Amino acid sequence: MGVEGEQIGVVDIDEALRLALEADLDLVEVAPDAVPPVCKIMDFGKYKYEAAQKAREARKNQTHIVVKEMKLRPKIDSHDYETKKGHVVRFLKAGDKVKITIMFRGREQSRPELGYKLLQRLAEDVADIAFIEFAPKQDGRNMVMVLGPSRGGKPASLPKLVTASAPASAETVEAVAEEVVESSTE
């Protein structure tokens, strides 16, 4: 290929090098696997510079996703909950995802519904600025949920653990908690 991108045709390598020297440019092999190999007469330094500029522009336009983590316990005081919720709101408004981890210790592990209720409450409190990216999932001693900043996504809401119309029996709470734990192990 010539300087302006025109087809020159099949040319001997010595002739191609002479044409490149006359134009004060470089002979660059663009398709070495083709038969015969395809070469182009161009300013290789300028080509490399323009390719680097395009790569730099592409990197500048990328979004860097950061996942912040907030750890809670099932028996959290209301003031501590509000403080942690404030941090979650700040992270979400900054455009970061937030991974909320409920840590269970000892006998708390036998009551995963407490962690589920806490995550449900947090999701409802930040529903206007976040959506649930990953629903609560029991992972050993921890229950994990990931919230993402809402950009027209689905609102942050979880299925209700216990309905308000009927009084919650111990069997109902245990059945729903078992369902949550079973779905998280899949």
C-alpha atoms as a PDB file:
ATOM      1  CA  MET A   1       0.000   0.000   0.000  1.00  0.00           C
ATOM      2  CA  GLY A   2       1.229   3.436  -0.827  1.00  0.00           C
ATOM      3  CA  VAL A   3       1.522   6.645   1.177  1.00  0.00           C
ATOM      4  CA  GLU A   4      -2.087   7.713   0.534  1.00  0.00           C
ATOM      5  CA  GLY A   5      -3.445   4.200   1.119  1.00  0.00           C
ATOM      6  CA  GLU A   6      -3.594   3.320  -2.586  1.00  0.00           C
ATOM      7  CA  GLN A   7      -2.859  -0.206  -3.818  1.00  0.00           C
ATOM      8  CA  ILE A   8       0.565  -0.548  -5.429  1.00  0.00           C
ATOM      9  CA  GLY A   9       0.308  -4.277  -6.068  1.00  0.00           C
ATOM     10  CA  VAL A  10       2.850  -7.063  -5.662  1.00  0.00           C
ATOM     11  CA  VAL A  11       6.279  -5.418  -5.507  1.00  0.00           C
ATOM     12  CA  ASP A  12       9.742  -6.797  -4.766  1.00  0.00           C
ATOM     13  CA  ILE A  13      11.041  -5.978  -1.264  1.00  0.00           C
ATOM     14  CA  ASP A  14      13.930  -3.896  -2.647  1.00  0.00           C
ATOM     15  CA  GLU A  15      11.506  -1.839  -4.763  1.00  0.00           C
ATOM     16  CA  ALA A  16       9.207  -1.329  -1.738  1.00  0.00           C
ATOM     17  CA  LEU A  17      12.117  -0.161   0.440  1.00  0.00           C
ATOM     18  CA  ARG A  18      13.231   2.253  -2.324  1.00  0.00           C
ATOM     19  CA  LEU A  19       9.679   3.714  -2.545  1.00  0.00           C
ATOM     20  CA  ALA A  20       9.612   4.170   1.249  1.00  0.00           C
ATOM     21  CA  LEU A  21      13.015   5.888   1.262  1.00  0.00           C
ATOM     22  CA  GLU A  22      11.942   8.241  -1.548  1.00  0.00           C
ATOM     23  CA  ALA A  23       8.863   9.236   0.460  1.00  0.00           C
ATOM     24  CA  ASP A  24      11.055   9.553   3.617  1.00  0.00           C
ATOM     25  CA  LEU A  25       8.750   7.104   5.428  1.00  0.00           C
ATOM     26  CA  ASP A  26       8.913   3.581   6.861  1.00  0.00           C
ATOM     27  CA  LEU A  27       7.928   0.264   5.283  1.00  0.00           C
ATOM     28  CA  VAL A  28       5.695  -1.519   7.818  1.00  0.00           C
ATOM     29  CA  GLU A  29       4.487  -5.107   7.493  1.00  0.00           C
ATOM     30  CA  VAL A  30       0.778  -5.008   8.439  1.00  0.00           C
ATOM     31  CA  ALA A  31      -0.266  -8.574   7.538  1.00  0.00           C
ATOM     32  CA  PRO A  32       2.720 -10.948   7.750  1.00  0.00           C
ATOM     33  CA  ASP A  33       0.552 -14.084   7.509  1.00  0.00           C
ATOM     34  CA  ALA A  34      -1.009 -13.116   4.152  1.00  0.00           C
ATOM     35  CA  VAL A  35       0.361 -14.558   0.931  1.00  0.00           C
ATOM     36  CA  PRO A  36       2.121 -12.430  -0.251  1.00  0.00           C
ATOM     37  CA  PRO A  37       2.734 -10.393   2.972  1.00  0.00           C
ATOM     38  CA  VAL A  38       1.040  -6.991   2.995  1.00  0.00           C
ATOM     39  CA  CYS A  39       3.217  -3.940   3.724  1.00  0.00           C
ATOM     40  CA  LYS A  40       2.321  -0.281   4.047  1.00  0.00           C
ATOM     41  CA  ILE A  41       4.405   2.843   3.582  1.00  0.00           C
ATOM     42  CA  MET A  42       3.772   5.115   6.595  1.00  0.00           C
ATOM     43  CA  ASP A  43       5.378   7.187   9.327  1.00  0.00           C
ATOM     44  CA  PHE A  44       5.652   4.473  11.994  1.00  0.00           C
ATOM     45  CA  GLY A  45       6.516   6.890  14.836  1.00  0.00           C
ATOM     46  CA  LYS A  46       3.386   8.930  14.128  1.00  0.00           C
ATOM     47  CA  TYR A  47       1.325   5.717  13.937  1.00  0.00           C
ATOM     48  CA  LYS A  48       2.604   4.522  17.344  1.00  0.00           C
ATOM     49  CA  TYR A  49       1.940   7.959  18.888  1.00  0.00           C
ATOM     50  CA  GLU A  50      -1.653   8.050  17.595  1.00  0.00           C
ATOM     51  CA  ALA A  51      -2.274   4.493  18.844  1.00  0.00           C
ATOM     52  CA  ALA A  52      -0.968   5.468  22.293  1.00  0.00           C
ATOM     53  CA  GLN A  53      -3.223   8.552  22.313  1.00  0.00           C
ATOM     54  CA  LYS A  54      -6.279   6.394  21.479  1.00  0.00           C
ATOM     55  CA  ALA A  55      -5.378   3.929  24.248  1.00  0.00           C
ATOM     56  CA  ARG A  56      -4.964   6.797  26.740  1.00  0.00           C
ATOM     57  CA  GLU A  57      -8.374   8.225  25.770  1.00  0.00           C
ATOM     58  CA  ALA A  58      -9.974   4.799  26.178  1.00  0.00           C
ATOM     59  CA  ARG A  59      -8.460   4.429  29.665  1.00  0.00           C
ATOM     60  CA  LYS A  60      -9.637   7.919  30.624  1.00  0.00           C
ATOM     61  CA  ASN A  61     -13.221   7.069  29.688  1.00  0.00           C
ATOM     62  CA  GLN A  62     -13.270   3.825  31.690  1.00  0.00           C
ATOM     63  CA  THR A  63     -15.161   3.733  34.952  1.00  0.00           C
ATOM     64  CA  HIS A  64     -13.257   2.352  37.908  1.00  0.00           C
ATOM     65  CA  ILE A  65     -15.643   0.343  40.087  1.00  0.00           C
ATOM     66  CA  VAL A  66     -14.810   0.232  43.772  1.00  0.00           C
ATOM     67  CA  VAL A  67     -16.517  -2.125  46.205  1.00  0.00           C
ATOM     68  CA  LYS A  68     -16.582  -0.801  49.763  1.00  0.00           C
ATOM     69  CA  GLU A  69     -17.406  -3.142  52.630  1.00  0.00           C
ATOM     70  CA  MET A  70     -19.462  -2.478  55.735  1.00  0.00           C
ATOM     71  CA  LYS A  71     -19.490  -5.068  58.522  1.00  0.00           C
ATOM     72  CA  LEU A  72     -22.380  -5.314  60.960  1.00  0.00           C
ATOM     73  CA  ARG A  73     -23.418  -7.605  63.784  1.00  0.00           C
ATOM     74  CA  PRO A  74     -26.996  -8.890  64.291  1.00  0.00           C
ATOM     75  CA  LYS A  75     -27.256  -7.212  67.719  1.00  0.00           C
ATOM     76  CA  ILE A  76     -26.379  -3.675  66.611  1.00  0.00           C
ATOM     77  CA  ASP A  77     -27.529  -0.639  68.576  1.00  0.00           C
ATOM     78  CA  SER A  78     -29.732   1.904  66.786  1.00  0.00           C
ATOM     79  CA  HIS A  79     -27.115   4.680  66.916  1.00  0.00           C
ATOM     80  CA  ASP A  80     -24.412   2.375  65.552  1.00  0.00           C
ATOM     81  CA  TYR A  81     -26.823   1.256  62.828  1.00  0.00           C
ATOM     82  CA  GLU A  82     -27.502   4.871  61.821  1.00  0.00           C
ATOM     83  CA  THR A  83     -23.761   5.606  61.674  1.00  0.00           C
ATOM     84  CA  LYS A  84     -23.092   2.554  59.495  1.00  0.00           C
ATOM     85  CA  LYS A  85     -26.091   3.433  57.303  1.00  0.00           C
ATOM     86  CA  GLY A  86     -24.649   6.943  56.872  1.00  0.00           C
ATOM     87  CA  HIS A  87     -21.377   5.458  55.646  1.00  0.00           C
ATOM     88  CA  VAL A  88     -23.261   3.197  53.222  1.00  0.00           C
ATOM     89  CA  VAL A  89     -25.220   6.196  51.884  1.00  0.00           C
ATOM     90  CA  ARG A  90     -21.995   8.187  51.449  1.00  0.00           C
ATOM     91  CA  PHE A  91     -20.363   5.318  49.524  1.00  0.00           C
ATOM     92  CA  LEU A  92     -23.411   4.879  47.291  1.00  0.00           C
ATOM     93  CA  LYS A  93     -23.639   8.601  46.530  1.00  0.00           C
ATOM     94  CA  ALA A  94     -19.962   8.520  45.530  1.00  0.00           C
ATOM     95  CA  GLY A  95     -20.893   5.851  42.966  1.00  0.00           C
ATOM     96  CA  ASP A  96     -19.290   2.899  44.739  1.00  0.00           C
ATOM     97  CA  LYS A  97     -20.822  -0.498  45.340  1.00  0.00           C
ATOM     98  CA  VAL A  98     -21.220  -1.554  48.954  1.00  0.00           C
ATOM     99  CA  LYS A  99     -20.830  -5.088  50.282  1.00  0.00           C
ATOM    100  CA  ILE A 100     -22.683  -5.443  53.582  1.00  0.00           C
ATOM    101  CA  THR A 101     -21.524  -8.328  55.758  1.00  0.00           C
ATOM    102  CA  ILE A 102     -23.421  -9.505  58.827  1.00  0.00           C
ATOM    103  CA  MET A 103     -21.039 -11.430  61.098  1.00  0.00           C
ATOM    104  CA  PHE A 104     -22.573 -14.121  63.289  1.00  0.00           C
ATOM    105  CA  ARG A 105     -20.847 -15.436  66.428  1.00  0.00           C
ATOM    106  CA  GLY A 106     -21.686 -18.402  68.594  1.00  0.00           C
ATOM    107  CA  ARG A 107     -25.410 -18.851  69.144  1.00  0.00           C
ATOM    108  CA  GLU A 108     -26.174 -16.022  66.708  1.00  0.00           C
ATOM    109  CA  GLN A 109     -25.464 -18.514  63.904  1.00  0.00           C
ATOM    110  CA  SER A 110     -28.648 -20.384  64.771  1.00  0.00           C
ATOM    111  CA  ARG A 111     -30.695 -17.216  64.046  1.00  0.00           C
ATOM    112  CA  PRO A 112     -29.939 -16.166  60.446  1.00  0.00           C
ATOM    113  CA  GLU A 113     -33.335 -14.464  60.246  1.00  0.00           C
ATOM    114  CA  LEU A 114     -31.952 -11.661  62.474  1.00  0.00           C
ATOM    115  CA  GLY A 115     -29.277 -10.904  59.893  1.00  0.00           C
ATOM    116  CA  TYR A 116     -31.804 -11.149  57.076  1.00  0.00           C
ATOM    117  CA  LYS A 117     -34.112  -8.667  58.853  1.00  0.00           C
ATOM    118  CA  LEU A 118     -31.205  -6.277  59.386  1.00  0.00           C
ATOM    119  CA  LEU A 119     -30.234  -6.436  55.709  1.00  0.00           C
ATOM    120  CA  GLN A 120     -33.887  -6.004  54.732  1.00  0.00           C
ATOM    121  CA  ARG A 121     -34.129  -2.904  56.940  1.00  0.00           C
ATOM    122  CA  LEU A 122     -30.924  -1.437  55.481  1.00  0.00           C
ATOM    123  CA  ALA A 123     -32.107  -2.119  51.915  1.00  0.00           C
ATOM    124  CA  GLU A 124     -35.405  -0.347  52.611  1.00  0.00           C
ATOM    125  CA  ASP A 125     -33.591   2.621  54.217  1.00  0.00           C
ATOM    126  CA  VAL A 126     -31.404   3.190  51.136  1.00  0.00           C
ATOM    127  CA  ALA A 127     -33.971   2.118  48.517  1.00  0.00           C
ATOM    128  CA  ASP A 128     -34.109   5.601  46.947  1.00  0.00           C
ATOM    129  CA  ILE A 129     -30.366   5.652  46.120  1.00  0.00           C
ATOM    130  CA  ALA A 130     -29.468   1.956  45.743  1.00  0.00           C
ATOM    131  CA  PHE A 131     -30.547  -1.356  44.302  1.00  0.00           C
ATOM    132  CA  ILE A 132     -29.716  -4.850  45.460  1.00  0.00           C
ATOM    133  CA  GLU A 133     -27.077  -6.313  43.208  1.00  0.00           C
ATOM    134  CA  PHE A 134     -26.715  -9.593  45.123  1.00  0.00           C
ATOM    135  CA  ALA A 135     -29.439 -10.738  47.479  1.00  0.00           C
ATOM    136  CA  PRO A 136     -28.494 -11.803  51.009  1.00  0.00           C
ATOM    137  CA  LYS A 137     -26.606 -15.065  51.031  1.00  0.00           C
ATOM    138  CA  GLN A 138     -25.366 -17.075  53.998  1.00  0.00           C
ATOM    139  CA  ASP A 139     -21.656 -17.766  53.635  1.00  0.00           C
ATOM    140  CA  GLY A 140     -20.415 -19.754  56.622  1.00  0.00           C
ATOM    141  CA  ARG A 141     -20.501 -17.441  59.642  1.00  0.00           C
ATOM    142  CA  ASN A 142     -21.390 -14.408  57.519  1.00  0.00           C
ATOM    143  CA  MET A 143     -24.404 -13.218  55.555  1.00  0.00           C
ATOM    144  CA  VAL A 144     -23.491 -11.038  52.587  1.00  0.00           C
ATOM    145  CA  MET A 145     -25.477  -8.614  50.400  1.00  0.00           C
ATOM    146  CA  VAL A 146     -24.159  -6.221  47.731  1.00  0.00           C
ATOM    147  CA  LEU A 147     -25.822  -2.877  46.990  1.00  0.00           C
ATOM    148  CA  GLY A 148     -25.107  -0.834  43.878  1.00  0.00           C
ATOM    149  CA  PRO A 149     -25.820   2.848  43.294  1.00  0.00           C
ATOM    150  CA  SER A 150     -29.135   3.180  41.474  1.00  0.00           C
ATOM    151  CA  ARG A 151     -29.031   4.496  37.936  1.00  0.00           C
ATOM    152  CA  GLY A 152     -32.539   3.658  36.885  1.00  0.00           C
ATOM    153  CA  GLY A 153     -32.121   0.146  38.272  1.00  0.00           C
ATOM    154  CA  LYS A 154     -34.549  -1.857  40.326  1.00  0.00           C
ATOM    155  CA  PRO A 155     -35.230  -0.449  43.804  1.00  0.00           C
ATOM    156  CA  ALA A 156     -33.618  -2.040  46.843  1.00  0.00           C
ATOM    157  CA  SER A 157     -36.279  -4.299  48.229  1.00  0.00           C
ATOM    158  CA  LEU A 158     -36.195  -7.827  49.525  1.00  0.00           C
ATOM    159  CA  PRO A 159     -39.043 -10.266  49.969  1.00  0.00           C
ATOM    160  CA  LYS A 160     -40.639  -9.762  53.348  1.00  0.00           C
ATOM    161  CA  LEU A 161     -39.451 -12.171  55.989  1.00  0.00           C
ATOM    162  CA  VAL A 162     -42.752 -12.190  57.872  1.00  0.00           C
ATOM    163  CA  THR A 163     -46.045 -10.688  56.725  1.00  0.00           C
ATOM    164  CA  ALA A 164     -47.519  -7.956  58.886  1.00  0.00           C
ATOM    165  CA  SER A 165     -51.145  -9.126  58.455  1.00  0.00           C
ATOM    166  CA  ALA A 166     -50.696 -12.456  60.238  1.00  0.00           C
ATOM    167  CA  PRO A 167     -48.901 -12.840  63.541  1.00  0.00           C
ATOM    168  CA  ALA A 168     -45.581 -14.548  63.010  1.00  0.00           C
ATOM    169  CA  SER A 169     -45.355 -17.999  64.431  1.00  0.00           C
ATOM    170  CA  ALA A 170     -42.049 -19.575  65.305  1.00  0.00           C
ATOM    171  CA  GLU A 171     -42.632 -22.147  62.542  1.00  0.00           C
ATOM    172  CA  THR A 172     -43.141 -19.431  59.895  1.00  0.00           C
ATOM    173  CA  VAL A 173     -39.972 -17.582  60.894  1.00  0.00           C
ATOM    174  CA  GLU A 174     -37.959 -20.803  60.922  1.00  0.00           C
ATOM    175  CA  ALA A 175     -39.360 -21.874  57.522  1.00  0.00           C
ATOM    176  CA  VAL A 176     -38.448 -18.550  55.892  1.00  0.00           C
ATOM    177  CA  ALA A 177     -35.002 -18.542  57.526  1.00  0.00           C
ATOM    178  CA  GLU A 178     -34.376 -22.088  56.292  1.00  0.00           C
ATOM    179  CA  GLU A 179     -35.445 -20.997  52.794  1.00  0.00           C
ATOM    180  CA  VAL A 180     -32.953 -18.102  52.892  1.00  0.00           C
ATOM    181  CA  VAL A 181     -30.164 -20.360  54.095  1.00  0.00           C
ATOM    182  CA  GLU A 182     -30.979 -23.056  51.514  1.00  0.00           C
ATOM    183  CA  SER A 183     -31.089 -20.539  48.653  1.00  0.00           C
ATOM    184  CA  SER A 184     -27.739 -19.116  49.705  1.00  0.00           C
ATOM    185  CA  THR A 185     -26.032 -22.504  49.632  1.00  0.00           C
ATOM    186  CA  GLU A 186     -26.952 -23.104  45.980  1.00  0.00           C
END
